[in-house]
Amino acid sequence: MKALCAELGSENVVASDKSDQMFDLPCNFQQLDVTNESQYMTMVKENKVNYIVHMAGILSALGEKNPDLAVDVNVNGVVNALRAA
């Protein structure tokens, strides 16, 4: 994230996470649930996003315990990113 901010300018980068905890980032941060298509679309439109780097995902250990969550985040989250793009 810091490299993107350095290359593009902090004012041109928006970071997001489902958690509302504050991260030490040199850019705008917004809480976002990637499984919520309307929230994803709103965030992209309001911030005039031109590029999306989608890194949300449920790894195998948690995914094996909760496969529905893994499908929702790993598949539907990507679909929402593609729709927003």
N, C-alpha and C. Protein backbone atom coordinates (compact mmCIF):
# COMPACT_ATOMS: atom_id res chain seq x y z
N MET A 1 0.82 -1.18 0.00
CA MET A 1 0.00 0.00 0.00
C MET A 1 0.87 1.25 0.00
N LYS A 2 1.91 1.22 0.80
CA LYS A 2 2.79 2.39 0.87
C LYS A 2 3.46 2.65 -0.47
N ALA A 3 3.79 1.58 -1.20
CA ALA A 3 4.41 1.74 -2.51
C ALA A 3 3.43 2.37 -3.50
N LEU A 4 2.17 1.94 -3.45
CA LEU A 4 1.15 2.55 -4.32
C LEU A 4 0.98 4.03 -4.00
N CYS A 5 0.95 4.35 -2.72
CA CYS A 5 0.81 5.75 -2.31
C CYS A 5 2.00 6.58 -2.78
N ALA A 6 3.19 6.00 -2.70
CA ALA A 6 4.38 6.72 -3.13
C ALA A 6 4.35 6.95 -4.65
N GLU A 7 3.88 5.95 -5.38
CA GLU A 7 3.87 6.05 -6.84
C GLU A 7 2.72 6.92 -7.36
N LEU A 8 1.54 6.76 -6.78
CA LEU A 8 0.35 7.43 -7.29
C LEU A 8 -0.06 8.69 -6.53
N GLY A 9 0.50 8.84 -5.33
CA GLY A 9 0.10 9.94 -4.46
C GLY A 9 -0.96 9.46 -3.49
N SER A 10 -0.77 9.76 -2.22
CA SER A 10 -1.68 9.28 -1.18
C SER A 10 -3.12 9.69 -1.41
N GLU A 11 -3.32 10.86 -2.00
CA GLU A 11 -4.68 11.34 -2.25
C GLU A 11 -5.40 10.55 -3.33
N ASN A 12 -4.66 9.71 -4.07
CA ASN A 12 -5.23 8.92 -5.17
C ASN A 12 -5.41 7.45 -4.82
N VAL A 13 -5.22 7.09 -3.56
CA VAL A 13 -5.33 5.70 -3.14
C VAL A 13 -6.37 5.59 -2.03
N VAL A 14 -7.24 4.59 -2.15
CA VAL A 14 -8.24 4.29 -1.12
C VAL A 14 -8.04 2.85 -0.68
N ALA A 15 -7.75 2.66 0.59
CA ALA A 15 -7.61 1.32 1.15
C ALA A 15 -8.93 0.96 1.83
N SER A 16 -9.22 -0.34 1.89
CA SER A 16 -10.44 -0.76 2.57
C SER A 16 -10.23 -2.10 3.25
N ASP A 17 -11.08 -2.34 4.23
CA ASP A 17 -11.07 -3.61 4.96
C ASP A 17 -12.43 -3.74 5.61
N LYS A 18 -12.82 -4.98 5.89
CA LYS A 18 -14.09 -5.19 6.59
C LYS A 18 -14.03 -4.65 8.01
N SER A 19 -12.86 -4.75 8.61
CA SER A 19 -12.65 -4.25 9.96
C SER A 19 -12.64 -2.73 9.95
N ASP A 20 -13.11 -2.14 11.03
CA ASP A 20 -13.07 -0.68 11.12
C ASP A 20 -11.86 -0.19 11.90
N GLN A 21 -10.94 -1.11 12.22
CA GLN A 21 -9.76 -0.70 12.96
C GLN A 21 -8.92 0.25 12.12
N MET A 22 -8.25 1.14 12.78
CA MET A 22 -7.42 2.11 12.07
C MET A 22 -6.07 1.49 11.73
N PHE A 23 -5.70 1.58 10.50
CA PHE A 23 -4.42 1.10 10.04
C PHE A 23 -3.49 2.29 9.87
N ASP A 24 -2.21 2.05 9.95
CA ASP A 24 -1.22 3.11 9.75
C ASP A 24 -0.94 3.22 8.25
N LEU A 25 -1.86 3.84 7.55
CA LEU A 25 -1.73 3.99 6.11
C LEU A 25 -1.68 5.46 5.73
N PRO A 26 -0.89 5.77 4.72
CA PRO A 26 -0.77 7.18 4.30
C PRO A 26 -1.84 7.59 3.30
N CYS A 27 -3.00 6.91 3.31
CA CYS A 27 -4.04 7.21 2.33
C CYS A 27 -5.41 7.15 2.99
N ASN A 28 -6.43 7.43 2.21
CA ASN A 28 -7.81 7.34 2.67
C ASN A 28 -8.13 5.88 2.99
N PHE A 29 -8.84 5.64 4.09
CA PHE A 29 -9.28 4.30 4.46
C PHE A 29 -10.78 4.30 4.63
N GLN A 30 -11.44 3.28 4.05
CA GLN A 30 -12.88 3.13 4.20
C GLN A 30 -13.21 1.69 4.54
N GLN A 31 -14.15 1.53 5.44
CA GLN A 31 -14.60 0.19 5.79
C GLN A 31 -15.44 -0.34 4.63
N LEU A 32 -15.20 -1.60 4.23
CA LEU A 32 -15.91 -2.18 3.09
C LEU A 32 -16.03 -3.68 3.28
N ASP A 33 -17.24 -4.19 3.12
CA ASP A 33 -17.49 -5.63 3.07
C ASP A 33 -17.60 -5.99 1.59
N VAL A 34 -16.63 -6.71 1.06
CA VAL A 34 -16.60 -7.00 -0.38
C VAL A 34 -17.76 -7.85 -0.85
N THR A 35 -18.47 -8.50 0.09
CA THR A 35 -19.63 -9.31 -0.29
C THR A 35 -20.88 -8.46 -0.46
N ASN A 36 -20.79 -7.18 -0.12
CA ASN A 36 -21.93 -6.27 -0.25
C ASN A 36 -21.76 -5.48 -1.55
N GLU A 37 -22.45 -5.92 -2.59
CA GLU A 37 -22.26 -5.33 -3.91
C GLU A 37 -22.60 -3.84 -3.94
N SER A 38 -23.69 -3.44 -3.33
CA SER A 38 -24.07 -2.03 -3.37
C SER A 38 -23.06 -1.16 -2.63
N GLN A 39 -22.54 -1.65 -1.52
CA GLN A 39 -21.52 -0.90 -0.78
C GLN A 39 -20.25 -0.77 -1.61
N TYR A 40 -19.88 -1.86 -2.28
CA TYR A 40 -18.69 -1.85 -3.15
C TYR A 40 -18.87 -0.81 -4.26
N MET A 41 -20.03 -0.85 -4.93
CA MET A 41 -20.31 0.08 -6.02
C MET A 41 -20.27 1.53 -5.54
N THR A 42 -20.88 1.78 -4.39
CA THR A 42 -20.91 3.13 -3.84
C THR A 42 -19.52 3.65 -3.56
N MET A 43 -18.69 2.80 -2.93
CA MET A 43 -17.32 3.20 -2.60
C MET A 43 -16.53 3.53 -3.87
N VAL A 44 -16.68 2.71 -4.89
CA VAL A 44 -15.96 2.94 -6.15
C VAL A 44 -16.43 4.23 -6.82
N LYS A 45 -17.74 4.45 -6.86
CA LYS A 45 -18.27 5.66 -7.51
C LYS A 45 -17.93 6.92 -6.74
N GLU A 46 -18.12 6.90 -5.43
CA GLU A 46 -17.86 8.09 -4.62
C GLU A 46 -16.40 8.53 -4.65
N ASN A 47 -15.49 7.56 -4.78
CA ASN A 47 -14.06 7.86 -4.80
C ASN A 47 -13.49 7.94 -6.21
N LYS A 48 -14.35 7.81 -7.21
CA LYS A 48 -13.93 7.87 -8.61
C LYS A 48 -12.74 6.94 -8.87
N VAL A 49 -12.89 5.69 -8.43
CA VAL A 49 -11.82 4.69 -8.54
C VAL A 49 -11.64 4.29 -10.00
N ASN A 50 -10.37 4.27 -10.45
CA ASN A 50 -10.03 3.86 -11.81
C ASN A 50 -9.43 2.46 -11.87
N TYR A 51 -8.80 2.05 -10.79
CA TYR A 51 -8.16 0.74 -10.73
C TYR A 51 -8.52 0.08 -9.40
N ILE A 52 -8.74 -1.23 -9.44
CA ILE A 52 -9.05 -1.98 -8.22
C ILE A 52 -8.00 -3.06 -8.05
N VAL A 53 -7.39 -3.09 -6.89
CA VAL A 53 -6.48 -4.17 -6.51
C VAL A 53 -7.23 -4.93 -5.41
N HIS A 54 -7.86 -6.02 -5.80
CA HIS A 54 -8.72 -6.78 -4.90
C HIS A 54 -7.90 -7.87 -4.22
N MET A 55 -7.71 -7.75 -2.92
CA MET A 55 -6.87 -8.71 -2.19
C MET A 55 -7.63 -9.42 -1.08
N ALA A 56 -8.94 -9.24 -1.02
CA ALA A 56 -9.73 -9.90 0.03
C ALA A 56 -9.79 -11.40 -0.24
N GLY A 57 -9.72 -12.18 0.81
CA GLY A 57 -9.83 -13.62 0.64
C GLY A 57 -9.83 -14.35 1.97
N ILE A 58 -10.47 -15.49 1.97
CA ILE A 58 -10.48 -16.39 3.12
C ILE A 58 -9.52 -17.53 2.79
N LEU A 59 -8.52 -17.71 3.63
CA LEU A 59 -7.52 -18.75 3.40
C LEU A 59 -8.06 -20.12 3.80
N SER A 60 -7.35 -21.16 3.44
CA SER A 60 -7.84 -22.53 3.55
C SER A 60 -8.25 -22.95 4.96
N ALA A 61 -7.50 -22.62 5.99
CA ALA A 61 -7.83 -23.09 7.34
C ALA A 61 -9.21 -22.59 7.77
N LEU A 62 -9.47 -21.31 7.64
CA LEU A 62 -10.78 -20.76 7.99
C LEU A 62 -11.83 -21.21 6.99
N GLY A 63 -11.44 -21.29 5.73
CA GLY A 63 -12.37 -21.71 4.68
C GLY A 63 -12.86 -23.13 4.87
N GLU A 64 -12.01 -24.01 5.38
CA GLU A 64 -12.43 -25.38 5.64
C GLU A 64 -13.43 -25.44 6.80
N LYS A 65 -13.28 -24.54 7.76
CA LYS A 65 -14.20 -24.50 8.89
C LYS A 65 -15.51 -23.83 8.52
N ASN A 66 -15.46 -22.89 7.58
CA ASN A 66 -16.64 -22.15 7.19
C ASN A 66 -16.66 -21.98 5.67
N PRO A 67 -17.01 -23.06 4.94
CA PRO A 67 -16.95 -23.01 3.47
C PRO A 67 -17.91 -21.99 2.85
N ASP A 68 -19.05 -21.73 3.48
CA ASP A 68 -19.98 -20.74 2.92
C ASP A 68 -19.37 -19.34 2.95
N LEU A 69 -18.68 -19.03 4.04
CA LEU A 69 -17.99 -17.74 4.13
C LEU A 69 -16.90 -17.64 3.08
N ALA A 70 -16.15 -18.73 2.89
CA ALA A 70 -15.07 -18.74 1.89
C ALA A 70 -15.62 -18.50 0.49
N VAL A 71 -16.72 -19.15 0.14
CA VAL A 71 -17.33 -18.94 -1.18
C VAL A 71 -17.84 -17.51 -1.30
N ASP A 72 -18.47 -17.01 -0.25
CA ASP A 72 -19.01 -15.66 -0.30
C ASP A 72 -17.91 -14.63 -0.53
N VAL A 73 -16.84 -14.71 0.25
CA VAL A 73 -15.76 -13.72 0.11
C VAL A 73 -14.92 -13.99 -1.13
N ASN A 74 -14.49 -15.23 -1.34
CA ASN A 74 -13.55 -15.54 -2.41
C ASN A 74 -14.17 -15.52 -3.80
N VAL A 75 -15.43 -15.86 -3.91
CA VAL A 75 -16.08 -15.87 -5.23
C VAL A 75 -16.94 -14.62 -5.42
N ASN A 76 -17.89 -14.43 -4.52
CA ASN A 76 -18.79 -13.28 -4.68
C ASN A 76 -18.05 -11.95 -4.52
N GLY A 77 -17.05 -11.92 -3.67
CA GLY A 77 -16.24 -10.70 -3.52
C GLY A 77 -15.54 -10.33 -4.81
N VAL A 78 -14.99 -11.34 -5.50
CA VAL A 78 -14.32 -11.08 -6.79
C VAL A 78 -15.34 -10.64 -7.83
N VAL A 79 -16.49 -11.30 -7.86
CA VAL A 79 -17.54 -10.91 -8.81
C VAL A 79 -17.95 -9.46 -8.57
N ASN A 80 -18.09 -9.07 -7.31
CA ASN A 80 -18.45 -7.68 -7.01
C ASN A 80 -17.37 -6.72 -7.46
N ALA A 81 -16.11 -7.09 -7.31
CA ALA A 81 -15.00 -6.26 -7.78
C ALA A 81 -15.06 -6.10 -9.29
N LEU A 82 -15.32 -7.20 -9.99
CA LEU A 82 -15.41 -7.14 -11.44
C LEU A 82 -16.60 -6.31 -11.90
N ARG A 83 -17.71 -6.43 -11.23
CA ARG A 83 -18.88 -5.62 -11.57
C ARG A 83 -18.60 -4.14 -11.32
N ALA A 84 -17.95 -3.85 -10.22
CA ALA A 84 -17.61 -2.46 -9.91
C ALA A 84 -16.65 -1.87 -10.93
N ALA A 85 -15.74 -2.72 -11.43
CA ALA A 85 -14.77 -2.26 -12.43
C ALA A 85 -15.46 -1.97 -13.74
